Amino acid sequence: MNWNNLEHPDQLDQIAQASFNNPQVIFKHSTTCSISTMARLRIEGKWHSTFKDTDFHFLDLHKHPNLSKAIEKKFEVYHESPQLILVKNGIAEYDASHFDISVEELNESLKYIYG
């Protein structure tokens, strides 16, 4: 799986802009949390079944904690960890956290958005 690592706040503007062409998924990961690790493994195990043009972005919350607040502000999503956020047309269309993170739910949201 190819994750695009989030390291700078300006990347959020790029994600918002890119979301007008392709769905963008942000995964906020805590490297010290077993629930977060399980969520990451579920995503990585089934990512190939998502919409083919979906871009996946990875935020290591311990390395870049300031970006979580920037995501919260930019996409108006309350901070959770772990958290999966689907951005389309510059807006967070779907988010899930903890045990609710699944590729199946992400796919349902993608089908709803794309018909």
PDB file of N, CA and C in Angstrom:
ATOM      1  N   MET A   1       0.844  -1.177   0.000  1.00  0.00           N
ATOM      2  CA  MET A   1       0.000   0.000   0.000  1.00  0.00           C
ATOM      3  C   MET A   1       0.882   1.231   0.000  1.00  0.00           C
ATOM      4  N   ASN A   2       0.524   2.208  -0.808  1.00  0.00           N
ATOM      5  CA  ASN A   2       1.267   3.463  -0.861  1.00  0.00           C
ATOM      6  C   ASN A   2       0.583   4.522  -0.022  1.00  0.00           C
ATOM      7  N   TRP A   3       1.177   4.832   1.126  1.00  0.00           N
ATOM      8  CA  TRP A   3       0.695   5.934   1.949  1.00  0.00           C
ATOM      9  C   TRP A   3       1.447   7.195   1.531  1.00  0.00           C
ATOM     10  N   ASN A   4       0.749   8.298   1.471  1.00  0.00           N
ATOM     11  CA  ASN A   4       1.376   9.608   1.326  1.00  0.00           C
ATOM     12  C   ASN A   4       1.512  10.161   2.741  1.00  0.00           C
ATOM     13  N   ASN A   5       2.738  10.329   3.195  1.00  0.00           N
ATOM     14  CA  ASN A   5       2.961  10.797   4.560  1.00  0.00           C
ATOM     15  C   ASN A   5       2.625  12.275   4.709  1.00  0.00           C
ATOM     16  N   LEU A   6       1.850  12.575   5.738  1.00  0.00           N
ATOM     17  CA  LEU A   6       1.530  13.966   6.059  1.00  0.00           C
ATOM     18  C   LEU A   6       2.565  14.495   7.037  1.00  0.00           C
ATOM     19  N   GLU A   7       3.217  15.578   6.636  1.00  0.00           N
ATOM     20  CA  GLU A   7       4.270  16.150   7.472  1.00  0.00           C
ATOM     21  C   GLU A   7       4.194  17.667   7.573  1.00  0.00           C
ATOM     22  N   HIS A   8       3.423  18.313   6.681  1.00  0.00           N
ATOM     23  CA  HIS A   8       3.364  19.769   6.646  1.00  0.00           C
ATOM     24  C   HIS A   8       1.920  20.239   6.480  1.00  0.00           C
ATOM     25  N   PRO A   9       1.549  21.322   7.151  1.00  0.00           N
ATOM     26  CA  PRO A   9       0.168  21.824   7.047  1.00  0.00           C
ATOM     27  C   PRO A   9      -0.254  22.177   5.622  1.00  0.00           C
ATOM     28  N   ASP A  10       0.684  22.608   4.774  1.00  0.00           N
ATOM     29  CA  ASP A  10       0.318  22.978   3.406  1.00  0.00           C
ATOM     30  C   ASP A  10      -0.169  21.775   2.594  1.00  0.00           C
ATOM     31  N   GLN A  11       0.150  20.567   3.042  1.00  0.00           N
ATOM     32  CA  GLN A  11      -0.339  19.371   2.361  1.00  0.00           C
ATOM     33  C   GLN A  11      -1.860  19.261   2.466  1.00  0.00           C
ATOM     34  N   LEU A  12      -2.447  19.842   3.493  1.00  0.00           N
ATOM     35  CA  LEU A  12      -3.901  19.779   3.661  1.00  0.00           C
ATOM     36  C   LEU A  12      -4.608  20.551   2.555  1.00  0.00           C
ATOM     37  N   ASP A  13      -4.028  21.671   2.145  1.00  0.00           N
ATOM     38  CA  ASP A  13      -4.598  22.412   1.013  1.00  0.00           C
ATOM     39  C   ASP A  13      -4.495  21.584  -0.269  1.00  0.00           C
ATOM     40  N   GLN A  14      -3.395  20.869  -0.429  1.00  0.00           N
ATOM     41  CA  GLN A  14      -3.216  20.013  -1.600  1.00  0.00           C
ATOM     42  C   GLN A  14      -4.230  18.861  -1.595  1.00  0.00           C
ATOM     43  N   ILE A  15      -4.481  18.302  -0.416  1.00  0.00           N
ATOM     44  CA  ILE A  15      -5.471  17.229  -0.298  1.00  0.00           C
ATOM     45  C   ILE A  15      -6.854  17.762  -0.652  1.00  0.00           C
ATOM     46  N   ALA A  16      -7.199  18.918  -0.104  1.00  0.00           N
ATOM     47  CA  ALA A  16      -8.509  19.515  -0.400  1.00  0.00           C
ATOM     48  C   ALA A  16      -8.658  19.754  -1.897  1.00  0.00           C
ATOM     49  N   GLN A  17      -7.634  20.285  -2.543  1.00  0.00           N
ATOM     50  CA  GLN A  17      -7.691  20.554  -3.982  1.00  0.00           C
ATOM     51  C   GLN A  17      -7.787  19.254  -4.782  1.00  0.00           C
ATOM     52  N   ALA A  18      -6.983  18.267  -4.420  1.00  0.00           N
ATOM     53  CA  ALA A  18      -6.997  16.987  -5.125  1.00  0.00           C
ATOM     54  C   ALA A  18      -8.336  16.272  -4.976  1.00  0.00           C
ATOM     55  N   SER A  19      -9.048  16.559  -3.888  1.00  0.00           N
ATOM     56  CA  SER A  19     -10.318  15.875  -3.633  1.00  0.00           C
ATOM     57  C   SER A  19     -11.415  16.265  -4.615  1.00  0.00           C
ATOM     58  N   PHE A  20     -11.183  17.290  -5.402  1.00  0.00           N
ATOM     59  CA  PHE A  20     -12.148  17.650  -6.441  1.00  0.00           C
ATOM     60  C   PHE A  20     -12.031  16.695  -7.638  1.00  0.00           C
ATOM     61  N   ASN A  21     -10.905  15.979  -7.728  1.00  0.00           N
ATOM     62  CA  ASN A  21     -10.690  15.011  -8.804  1.00  0.00           C
ATOM     63  C   ASN A  21     -10.798  13.568  -8.327  1.00  0.00           C
ATOM     64  N   ASN A  22     -10.214  13.280  -7.178  1.00  0.00           N
ATOM     65  CA  ASN A  22     -10.186  11.918  -6.628  1.00  0.00           C
ATOM     66  C   ASN A  22     -10.469  11.964  -5.135  1.00  0.00           C
ATOM     67  N   PRO A  23     -11.111  10.933  -4.609  1.00  0.00           N
ATOM     68  CA  PRO A  23     -11.317  10.892  -3.163  1.00  0.00           C
ATOM     69  C   PRO A  23      -9.981  10.830  -2.431  1.00  0.00           C
ATOM     70  N   GLN A  24      -9.928  11.497  -1.304  1.00  0.00           N
ATOM     71  CA  GLN A  24      -8.728  11.555  -0.485  1.00  0.00           C
ATOM     72  C   GLN A  24      -9.072  10.989   0.888  1.00  0.00           C
ATOM     73  N   VAL A  25      -8.240  10.092   1.380  1.00  0.00           N
ATOM     74  CA  VAL A  25      -8.453   9.494   2.687  1.00  0.00           C
ATOM     75  C   VAL A  25      -7.274   9.842   3.577  1.00  0.00           C
ATOM     76  N   ILE A  26      -7.583  10.346   4.761  1.00  0.00           N
ATOM     77  CA  ILE A  26      -6.566  10.646   5.759  1.00  0.00           C
ATOM     78  C   ILE A  26      -6.729   9.644   6.898  1.00  0.00           C
ATOM     79  N   PHE A  27      -5.636   9.001   7.269  1.00  0.00           N
ATOM     80  CA  PHE A  27      -5.640   8.112   8.426  1.00  0.00           C
ATOM     81  C   PHE A  27      -4.724   8.691   9.483  1.00  0.00           C
ATOM     82  N   LYS A  28      -5.295   9.016  10.628  1.00  0.00           N
ATOM     83  CA  LYS A  28      -4.524   9.531  11.759  1.00  0.00           C
ATOM     84  C   LYS A  28      -4.193   8.368  12.678  1.00  0.00           C
ATOM     85  N   HIS A  29      -2.895   8.138  12.853  1.00  0.00           N
ATOM     86  CA  HIS A  29      -2.410   6.942  13.543  1.00  0.00           C
ATOM     87  C   HIS A  29      -1.561   7.293  14.755  1.00  0.00           C
ATOM     88  N   SER A  30      -1.852   6.626  15.863  1.00  0.00           N
ATOM     89  CA  SER A  30      -1.027   6.718  17.058  1.00  0.00           C
ATOM     90  C   SER A  30      -0.182   5.457  17.148  1.00  0.00           C
ATOM     91  N   THR A  31       1.118   5.623  17.076  1.00  0.00           N
ATOM     92  CA  THR A  31       2.025   4.472  17.056  1.00  0.00           C
ATOM     93  C   THR A  31       2.078   3.742  18.394  1.00  0.00           C
ATOM     94  N   THR A  32       1.524   4.321  19.451  1.00  0.00           N
ATOM     95  CA  THR A  32       1.545   3.680  20.765  1.00  0.00           C
ATOM     96  C   THR A  32       0.205   3.058  21.135  1.00  0.00           C
ATOM     97  N   CYS A  33      -0.746   3.062  20.219  1.00  0.00           N
ATOM     98  CA  CYS A  33      -2.096   2.581  20.508  1.00  0.00           C
ATOM     99  C   CYS A  33      -2.373   1.289  19.740  1.00  0.00           C
ATOM    100  N   SER A  34      -2.731   0.234  20.453  1.00  0.00           N
ATOM    101  CA  SER A  34      -2.992  -1.044  19.800  1.00  0.00           C
ATOM    102  C   SER A  34      -4.248  -0.989  18.926  1.00  0.00           C
ATOM    103  N   ILE A  35      -5.238  -0.202  19.316  1.00  0.00           N
ATOM    104  CA  ILE A  35      -6.444  -0.059  18.489  1.00  0.00           C
ATOM    105  C   ILE A  35      -6.076   0.597  17.165  1.00  0.00           C
ATOM    106  N   SER A  36      -5.219   1.597  17.217  1.00  0.00           N
ATOM    107  CA  SER A  36      -4.778   2.282  16.014  1.00  0.00           C
ATOM    108  C   SER A  36      -4.006   1.326  15.103  1.00  0.00           C
ATOM    109  N   THR A  37      -3.176   0.500  15.693  1.00  0.00           N
ATOM    110  CA  THR A  37      -2.415  -0.483  14.918  1.00  0.00           C
ATOM    111  C   THR A  37      -3.350  -1.470  14.233  1.00  0.00           C
ATOM    112  N   MET A  38      -4.367  -1.931  14.946  1.00  0.00           N
ATOM    113  CA  MET A  38      -5.335  -2.863  14.350  1.00  0.00           C
ATOM    114  C   MET A  38      -6.098  -2.188  13.205  1.00  0.00           C
ATOM    115  N   ALA A  39      -6.486  -0.933  13.393  1.00  0.00           N
ATOM    116  CA  ALA A  39      -7.192  -0.209  12.331  1.00  0.00           C
ATOM    117  C   ALA A  39      -6.302  -0.076  11.102  1.00  0.00           C
ATOM    118  N   ARG A  40      -5.042   0.238  11.322  1.00  0.00           N
ATOM    119  CA  ARG A  40      -4.105   0.366  10.198  1.00  0.00           C
ATOM    120  C   ARG A  40      -3.974  -0.963   9.453  1.00  0.00           C
ATOM    121  N   LEU A  41      -3.861  -2.049  10.184  1.00  0.00           N
ATOM    122  CA  LEU A  41      -3.745  -3.363   9.549  1.00  0.00           C
ATOM    123  C   LEU A  41      -5.001  -3.710   8.761  1.00  0.00           C
ATOM    124  N   ARG A  42      -6.181  -3.348   9.273  1.00  0.00           N
ATOM    125  CA  ARG A  42      -7.429  -3.604   8.537  1.00  0.00           C
ATOM    126  C   ARG A  42      -7.447  -2.817   7.232  1.00  0.00           C
ATOM    127  N   ILE A  43      -7.010  -1.567   7.284  1.00  0.00           N
ATOM    128  CA  ILE A  43      -6.983  -0.735   6.074  1.00  0.00           C
ATOM    129  C   ILE A  43      -5.978  -1.311   5.071  1.00  0.00           C
ATOM    130  N   GLU A  44      -4.788  -1.592   5.539  1.00  0.00           N
ATOM    131  CA  GLU A  44      -3.743  -2.077   4.635  1.00  0.00           C
ATOM    132  C   GLU A  44      -4.078  -3.450   4.056  1.00  0.00           C
ATOM    133  N   GLY A  45      -4.843  -4.239   4.786  1.00  0.00           N
ATOM    134  CA  GLY A  45      -5.210  -5.562   4.303  1.00  0.00           C
ATOM    135  C   GLY A  45      -6.266  -5.549   3.213  1.00  0.00           C
ATOM    136  N   LYS A  46      -7.044  -4.460   3.150  1.00  0.00           N
ATOM    137  CA  LYS A  46      -8.152  -4.426   2.193  1.00  0.00           C
ATOM    138  C   LYS A  46      -8.178  -3.173   1.317  1.00  0.00           C
ATOM    139  N   TRP A  47      -7.144  -2.362   1.376  1.00  0.00           N
ATOM    140  CA  TRP A  47      -7.150  -1.103   0.630  1.00  0.00           C
ATOM    141  C   TRP A  47      -7.367  -1.323  -0.867  1.00  0.00           C
ATOM    142  N   HIS A  48      -6.903  -2.449  -1.387  1.00  0.00           N
ATOM    143  CA  HIS A  48      -7.014  -2.728  -2.826  1.00  0.00           C
ATOM    144  C   HIS A  48      -8.460  -2.835  -3.295  1.00  0.00           C
ATOM    145  N   SER A  49      -9.397  -2.991  -2.357  1.00  0.00           N
ATOM    146  CA  SER A  49     -10.803  -3.110  -2.747  1.00  0.00           C
ATOM    147  C   SER A  49     -11.524  -1.765  -2.765  1.00  0.00           C
ATOM    148  N   THR A  50     -10.806  -0.675  -2.514  1.00  0.00           N
ATOM    149  CA  THR A  50     -11.437   0.647  -2.528  1.00  0.00           C
ATOM    150  C   THR A  50     -11.490   1.198  -3.948  1.00  0.00           C
ATOM    151  N   PHE A  51     -12.206   2.287  -4.089  1.00  0.00           N
ATOM    152  CA  PHE A  51     -12.294   3.009  -5.350  1.00  0.00           C
ATOM    153  C   PHE A  51     -10.890   3.192  -5.909  1.00  0.00           C
ATOM    154  N   LYS A  52     -10.679   2.844  -7.167  1.00  0.00           N
ATOM    155  CA  LYS A  52      -9.326   2.741  -7.725  1.00  0.00           C
ATOM    156  C   LYS A  52      -8.512   4.023  -7.680  1.00  0.00           C
ATOM    157  N   ASP A  53      -9.148   5.175  -7.695  1.00  0.00           N
ATOM    158  CA  ASP A  53      -8.395   6.428  -7.730  1.00  0.00           C
ATOM    159  C   ASP A  53      -8.323   7.130  -6.380  1.00  0.00           C
ATOM    160  N   THR A  54      -8.528   6.392  -5.311  1.00  0.00           N
ATOM    161  CA  THR A  54      -8.473   6.965  -3.972  1.00  0.00           C
ATOM    162  C   THR A  54      -7.023   7.134  -3.535  1.00  0.00           C
ATOM    163  N   ASP A  55      -6.702   8.316  -3.007  1.00  0.00           N
ATOM    164  CA  ASP A  55      -5.368   8.578  -2.467  1.00  0.00           C
ATOM    165  C   ASP A  55      -5.424   8.449  -0.952  1.00  0.00           C
ATOM    166  N   PHE A  56      -4.434   7.767  -0.380  1.00  0.00           N
ATOM    167  CA  PHE A  56      -4.378   7.530   1.056  1.00  0.00           C
ATOM    168  C   PHE A  56      -3.228   8.318   1.685  1.00  0.00           C
ATOM    169  N   HIS A  57      -3.558   9.058   2.735  1.00  0.00           N
ATOM    170  CA  HIS A  57      -2.593   9.898   3.436  1.00  0.00           C
ATOM    171  C   HIS A  57      -2.471   9.425   4.878  1.00  0.00           C
ATOM    172  N   PHE A  58      -1.248   9.385   5.373  1.00  0.00           N
ATOM    173  CA  PHE A  58      -0.944   8.827   6.689  1.00  0.00           C
ATOM    174  C   PHE A  58      -0.356   9.908   7.591  1.00  0.00           C
ATOM    175  N   LEU A  59      -0.969  10.082   8.744  1.00  0.00           N
ATOM    176  CA  LEU A  59      -0.448  11.027   9.728  1.00  0.00           C
ATOM    177  C   LEU A  59       0.007  10.273  10.962  1.00  0.00           C
ATOM    178  N   ASP A  60       1.294  10.334  11.260  1.00  0.00           N
ATOM    179  CA  ASP A  60       1.847   9.810  12.507  1.00  0.00           C
ATOM    180  C   ASP A  60       1.642  10.901  13.559  1.00  0.00           C
ATOM    181  N   LEU A  61       0.707  10.668  14.458  1.00  0.00           N
ATOM    182  CA  LEU A  61       0.338  11.690  15.434  1.00  0.00           C
ATOM    183  C   LEU A  61       1.458  12.032  16.404  1.00  0.00           C
ATOM    184  N   HIS A  62       2.382  11.113  16.625  1.00  0.00           N
ATOM    185  CA  HIS A  62       3.478  11.393  17.552  1.00  0.00           C
ATOM    186  C   HIS A  62       4.565  12.253  16.907  1.00  0.00           C
ATOM    187  N   LYS A  63       4.760  12.063  15.616  1.00  0.00           N
ATOM    188  CA  LYS A  63       5.756  12.873  14.913  1.00  0.00           C
ATOM    189  C   LYS A  63       5.231  14.259  14.549  1.00  0.00           C
ATOM    190  N   HIS A  64       3.927  14.352  14.269  1.00  0.00           N
ATOM    191  CA  HIS A  64       3.353  15.609  13.785  1.00  0.00           C
ATOM    192  C   HIS A  64       2.026  15.917  14.488  1.00  0.00           C
ATOM    193  N   PRO A  65       2.058  16.115  15.802  1.00  0.00           N
ATOM    194  CA  PRO A  65       0.807  16.343  16.542  1.00  0.00           C
ATOM    195  C   PRO A  65       0.080  17.623  16.135  1.00  0.00           C
ATOM    196  N   ASN A  66       0.816  18.609  15.664  1.00  0.00           N
ATOM    197  CA  ASN A  66       0.194  19.874  15.256  1.00  0.00           C
ATOM    198  C   ASN A  66      -0.720  19.710  14.037  1.00  0.00           C
ATOM    199  N   LEU A  67      -0.455  18.703  13.226  1.00  0.00           N
ATOM    200  CA  LEU A  67      -1.267  18.505  12.028  1.00  0.00           C
ATOM    201  C   LEU A  67      -2.671  18.011  12.354  1.00  0.00           C
ATOM    202  N   SER A  68      -2.836  17.353  13.478  1.00  0.00           N
ATOM    203  CA  SER A  68      -4.167  16.885  13.850  1.00  0.00           C
ATOM    204  C   SER A  68      -5.099  18.070  14.091  1.00  0.00           C
ATOM    205  N   LYS A  69      -4.611  19.079  14.772  1.00  0.00           N
ATOM    206  CA  LYS A  69      -5.422  20.289  14.979  1.00  0.00           C
ATOM    207  C   LYS A  69      -5.684  21.001  13.659  1.00  0.00           C
ATOM    208  N   ALA A  70      -4.707  20.999  12.773  1.00  0.00           N
ATOM    209  CA  ALA A  70      -4.890  21.629  11.460  1.00  0.00           C
ATOM    210  C   ALA A  70      -5.948  20.877  10.646  1.00  0.00           C
ATOM    211  N   ILE A  71      -5.963  19.550  10.738  1.00  0.00           N
ATOM    212  CA  ILE A  71      -6.979  18.748  10.049  1.00  0.00           C
ATOM    213  C   ILE A  71      -8.350  19.048  10.634  1.00  0.00           C
ATOM    214  N   GLU A  72      -8.411  19.108  11.954  1.00  0.00           N
ATOM    215  CA  GLU A  72      -9.674  19.396  12.639  1.00  0.00           C
ATOM    216  C   GLU A  72     -10.243  20.736  12.159  1.00  0.00           C
ATOM    217  N   LYS A  73      -9.394  21.731  12.055  1.00  0.00           N
ATOM    218  CA  LYS A  73      -9.835  23.065  11.621  1.00  0.00           C
ATOM    219  C   LYS A  73     -10.176  23.086  10.132  1.00  0.00           C
ATOM    220  N   LYS A  74      -9.312  22.525   9.308  1.00  0.00           N
ATOM    221  CA  LYS A  74      -9.478  22.577   7.853  1.00  0.00           C
ATOM    222  C   LYS A  74     -10.738  21.836   7.394  1.00  0.00           C
ATOM    223  N   PHE A  75     -10.955  20.636   7.959  1.00  0.00           N
ATOM    224  CA  PHE A  75     -12.042  19.794   7.477  1.00  0.00           C
ATOM    225  C   PHE A  75     -13.219  19.703   8.453  1.00  0.00           C
ATOM    226  N   GLU A  76     -13.145  20.492   9.524  1.00  0.00           N
ATOM    227  CA  GLU A  76     -14.225  20.574  10.512  1.00  0.00           C
ATOM    228  C   GLU A  76     -14.635  19.201  11.034  1.00  0.00           C
ATOM    229  N   VAL A  77     -13.633  18.442  11.459  1.00  0.00           N
ATOM    230  CA  VAL A  77     -13.849  17.106  12.008  1.00  0.00           C
ATOM    231  C   VAL A  77     -13.236  17.060  13.401  1.00  0.00           C
ATOM    232  N   TYR A  78     -14.017  16.656  14.367  1.00  0.00           N
ATOM    233  CA  TYR A  78     -13.540  16.531  15.730  1.00  0.00           C
ATOM    234  C   TYR A  78     -12.413  15.499  15.794  1.00  0.00           C
ATOM    235  N   HIS A  79     -11.331  15.828  16.506  1.00  0.00           N
ATOM    236  CA  HIS A  79     -10.168  14.947  16.590  1.00  0.00           C
ATOM    237  C   HIS A  79     -10.489  13.638  17.307  1.00  0.00           C
ATOM    238  N   GLU A  80     -10.083  12.552  16.688  1.00  0.00           N
ATOM    239  CA  GLU A  80     -10.114  11.217  17.281  1.00  0.00           C
ATOM    240  C   GLU A  80      -8.796  10.549  16.911  1.00  0.00           C
ATOM    241  N   SER A  81      -8.470   9.493  17.615  1.00  0.00           N
ATOM    242  CA  SER A  81      -7.275   8.727  17.291  1.00  0.00           C
ATOM    243  C   SER A  81      -7.492   7.284  17.730  1.00  0.00           C
ATOM    244  N   PRO A  82      -7.409   6.386  16.773  1.00  0.00           N
ATOM    245  CA  PRO A  82      -7.186   6.568  15.339  1.00  0.00           C
ATOM    246  C   PRO A  82      -8.431   7.133  14.670  1.00  0.00           C
ATOM    247  N   GLN A  83      -8.221   7.665  13.498  1.00  0.00           N
ATOM    248  CA  GLN A  83      -9.337   8.261  12.760  1.00  0.00           C
ATOM    249  C   GLN A  83      -9.098   8.140  11.261  1.00  0.00           C
ATOM    250  N   LEU A  84     -10.178   7.856  10.549  1.00  0.00           N
ATOM    251  CA  LEU A  84     -10.167   7.779   9.093  1.00  0.00           C
ATOM    252  C   LEU A  84     -11.113   8.852   8.581  1.00  0.00           C
ATOM    253  N   ILE A  85     -10.637   9.686   7.666  1.00  0.00           N
ATOM    254  CA  ILE A  85     -11.435  10.796   7.138  1.00  0.00           C
ATOM    255  C   ILE A  85     -11.428  10.713   5.616  1.00  0.00           C
ATOM    256  N   LEU A  86     -12.609  10.767   5.021  1.00  0.00           N
ATOM    257  CA  LEU A  86     -12.762  10.794   3.568  1.00  0.00           C
ATOM    258  C   LEU A  86     -13.077  12.215   3.145  1.00  0.00           C
ATOM    259  N   VAL A  87     -12.248  12.772   2.269  1.00  0.00           N
ATOM    260  CA  VAL A  87     -12.421  14.142   1.790  1.00  0.00           C
ATOM    261  C   VAL A  87     -12.782  14.104   0.310  1.00  0.00           C
ATOM    262  N   LYS A  88     -13.868  14.775  -0.019  1.00  0.00           N
ATOM    263  CA  LYS A  88     -14.307  14.900  -1.412  1.00  0.00           C
ATOM    264  C   LYS A  88     -14.793  16.322  -1.614  1.00  0.00           C
ATOM    265  N   ASN A  89     -14.358  16.956  -2.694  1.00  0.00           N
ATOM    266  CA  ASN A  89     -14.717  18.345  -3.006  1.00  0.00           C
ATOM    267  C   ASN A  89     -14.393  19.290  -1.857  1.00  0.00           C
ATOM    268  N   GLY A  90     -13.258  19.036  -1.209  1.00  0.00           N
ATOM    269  CA  GLY A  90     -12.763  19.915  -0.152  1.00  0.00           C
ATOM    270  C   GLY A  90     -13.448  19.764   1.187  1.00  0.00           C
ATOM    271  N   ILE A  91     -14.348  18.784   1.303  1.00  0.00           N
ATOM    272  CA  ILE A  91     -15.152  18.609   2.514  1.00  0.00           C
ATOM    273  C   ILE A  91     -14.972  17.198   3.055  1.00  0.00           C
ATOM    274  N   ALA A  92     -14.927  17.083   4.377  1.00  0.00           N
ATOM    275  CA  ALA A  92     -14.922  15.762   5.000  1.00  0.00           C
ATOM    276  C   ALA A  92     -16.323  15.175   4.873  1.00  0.00           C
ATOM    277  N   GLU A  93     -16.460  14.178   4.022  1.00  0.00           N
ATOM    278  CA  GLU A  93     -17.752  13.549   3.766  1.00  0.00           C
ATOM    279  C   GLU A  93     -18.040  12.401   4.721  1.00  0.00           C
ATOM    280  N   TYR A  94     -16.993  11.848   5.304  1.00  0.00           N
ATOM    281  CA  TYR A  94     -17.150  10.686   6.174  1.00  0.00           C
ATOM    282  C   TYR A  94     -15.956  10.643   7.111  1.00  0.00           C
ATOM    283  N   ASP A  95     -16.209  10.268   8.361  1.00  0.00           N
ATOM    284  CA  ASP A  95     -15.094   9.985   9.255  1.00  0.00           C
ATOM    285  C   ASP A  95     -15.507   8.882  10.217  1.00  0.00           C
ATOM    286  N   ALA A  96     -14.523   8.128  10.644  1.00  0.00           N
ATOM    287  CA  ALA A  96     -14.745   7.040  11.583  1.00  0.00           C
ATOM    288  C   ALA A  96     -13.546   6.963  12.511  1.00  0.00           C
ATOM    289  N   SER A  97     -13.785   6.419  13.685  1.00  0.00           N
ATOM    290  CA  SER A  97     -12.679   6.276  14.617  1.00  0.00           C
ATOM    291  C   SER A  97     -12.741   4.926  15.326  1.00  0.00           C
ATOM    292  N   HIS A  98     -11.629   4.575  15.896  1.00  0.00           N
ATOM    293  CA  HIS A  98     -11.477   3.363  16.692  1.00  0.00           C
ATOM    294  C   HIS A  98     -11.975   2.122  15.944  1.00  0.00           C
ATOM    295  N   PHE A  99     -12.882   1.360  16.557  1.00  0.00           N
ATOM    296  CA  PHE A  99     -13.333   0.101  15.974  1.00  0.00           C
ATOM    297  C   PHE A  99     -14.302   0.294  14.805  1.00  0.00           C
ATOM    298  N   ASP A 100     -14.740   1.518  14.571  1.00  0.00           N
ATOM    299  CA  ASP A 100     -15.629   1.793  13.438  1.00  0.00           C
ATOM    300  C   ASP A 100     -14.872   1.957  12.126  1.00  0.00           C
ATOM    301  N   ILE A 101     -13.551   1.983  12.185  1.00  0.00           N
ATOM    302  CA  ILE A 101     -12.755   2.122  10.969  1.00  0.00           C
ATOM    303  C   ILE A 101     -12.751   0.798  10.218  1.00  0.00           C
ATOM    304  N   SER A 102     -13.259   0.846   8.975  1.00  0.00           N
ATOM    305  CA  SER A 102     -13.224  -0.352   8.132  1.00  0.00           C
ATOM    306  C   SER A 102     -13.261   0.060   6.671  1.00  0.00           C
ATOM    307  N   VAL A 103     -12.642  -0.738   5.856  1.00  0.00           N
ATOM    308  CA  VAL A 103     -12.645  -0.487   4.417  1.00  0.00           C
ATOM    309  C   VAL A 103     -14.054  -0.677   3.865  1.00  0.00           C
ATOM    310  N   GLU A 104     -14.818  -1.597   4.441  1.00  0.00           N
ATOM    311  CA  GLU A 104     -16.183  -1.824   3.983  1.00  0.00           C
ATOM    312  C   GLU A 104     -17.028  -0.554   4.156  1.00  0.00           C
ATOM    313  N   GLU A 105     -16.923   0.088   5.306  1.00  0.00           N
ATOM    314  CA  GLU A 105     -17.669   1.334   5.542  1.00  0.00           C
ATOM    315  C   GLU A 105     -17.168   2.448   4.638  1.00  0.00           C
ATOM    316  N   LEU A 106     -15.865   2.504   4.443  1.00  0.00           N
ATOM    317  CA  LEU A 106     -15.294   3.494   3.527  1.00  0.00           C
ATOM    318  C   LEU A 106     -15.855   3.277   2.128  1.00  0.00           C
ATOM    319  N   ASN A 107     -15.917   2.030   1.683  1.00  0.00           N
ATOM    320  CA  ASN A 107     -16.457   1.727   0.357  1.00  0.00           C
ATOM    321  C   ASN A 107     -17.920   2.132   0.239  1.00  0.00           C
ATOM    322  N   GLU A 108     -18.697   1.928   1.291  1.00  0.00           N
ATOM    323  CA  GLU A 108     -20.103   2.352   1.271  1.00  0.00           C
ATOM    324  C   GLU A 108     -20.203   3.862   1.081  1.00  0.00           C
ATOM    325  N   SER A 109     -19.348   4.594   1.756  1.00  0.00           N
ATOM    326  CA  SER A 109     -19.345   6.055   1.590  1.00  0.00           C
ATOM    327  C   SER A 109     -18.918   6.449   0.187  1.00  0.00           C
ATOM    328  N   LEU A 110     -17.919   5.766  -0.355  1.00  0.00           N
ATOM    329  CA  LEU A 110     -17.470   6.049  -1.719  1.00  0.00           C
ATOM    330  C   LEU A 110     -18.585   5.757  -2.730  1.00  0.00           C
ATOM    331  N   LYS A 111     -19.311   4.653  -2.529  1.00  0.00           N
ATOM    332  CA  LYS A 111     -20.421   4.317  -3.431  1.00  0.00           C
ATOM    333  C   LYS A 111     -21.515   5.388  -3.345  1.00  0.00           C
ATOM    334  N   TYR A 112     -21.787   5.849  -2.145  1.00  0.00           N
ATOM    335  CA  TYR A 112     -22.808   6.887  -1.958  1.00  0.00           C
ATOM    336  C   TYR A 112     -22.414   8.185  -2.673  1.00  0.00           C
ATOM    337  N   ILE A 113     -21.153   8.555  -2.549  1.00  0.00           N
ATOM    338  CA  ILE A 113     -20.673   9.802  -3.161  1.00  0.00           C
ATOM    339  C   ILE A 113     -20.620   9.686  -4.685  1.00  0.00           C
ATOM    340  N   TYR A 114     -20.176   8.525  -5.173  1.00  0.00           N
ATOM    341  CA  TYR A 114     -19.951   8.360  -6.614  1.00  0.00           C
ATOM    342  C   TYR A 114     -21.083   7.647  -7.339  1.00  0.00           C
ATOM    343  N   GLY A 115     -22.049   7.161  -6.585  1.00  0.00           N
ATOM    344  CA  GLY A 115     -23.199   6.507  -7.182  1.00  0.00           C
ATOM    345  C   GLY A 115     -22.911   5.154  -7.587  1.00  0.00           C
TER     346      GLY A 115
END
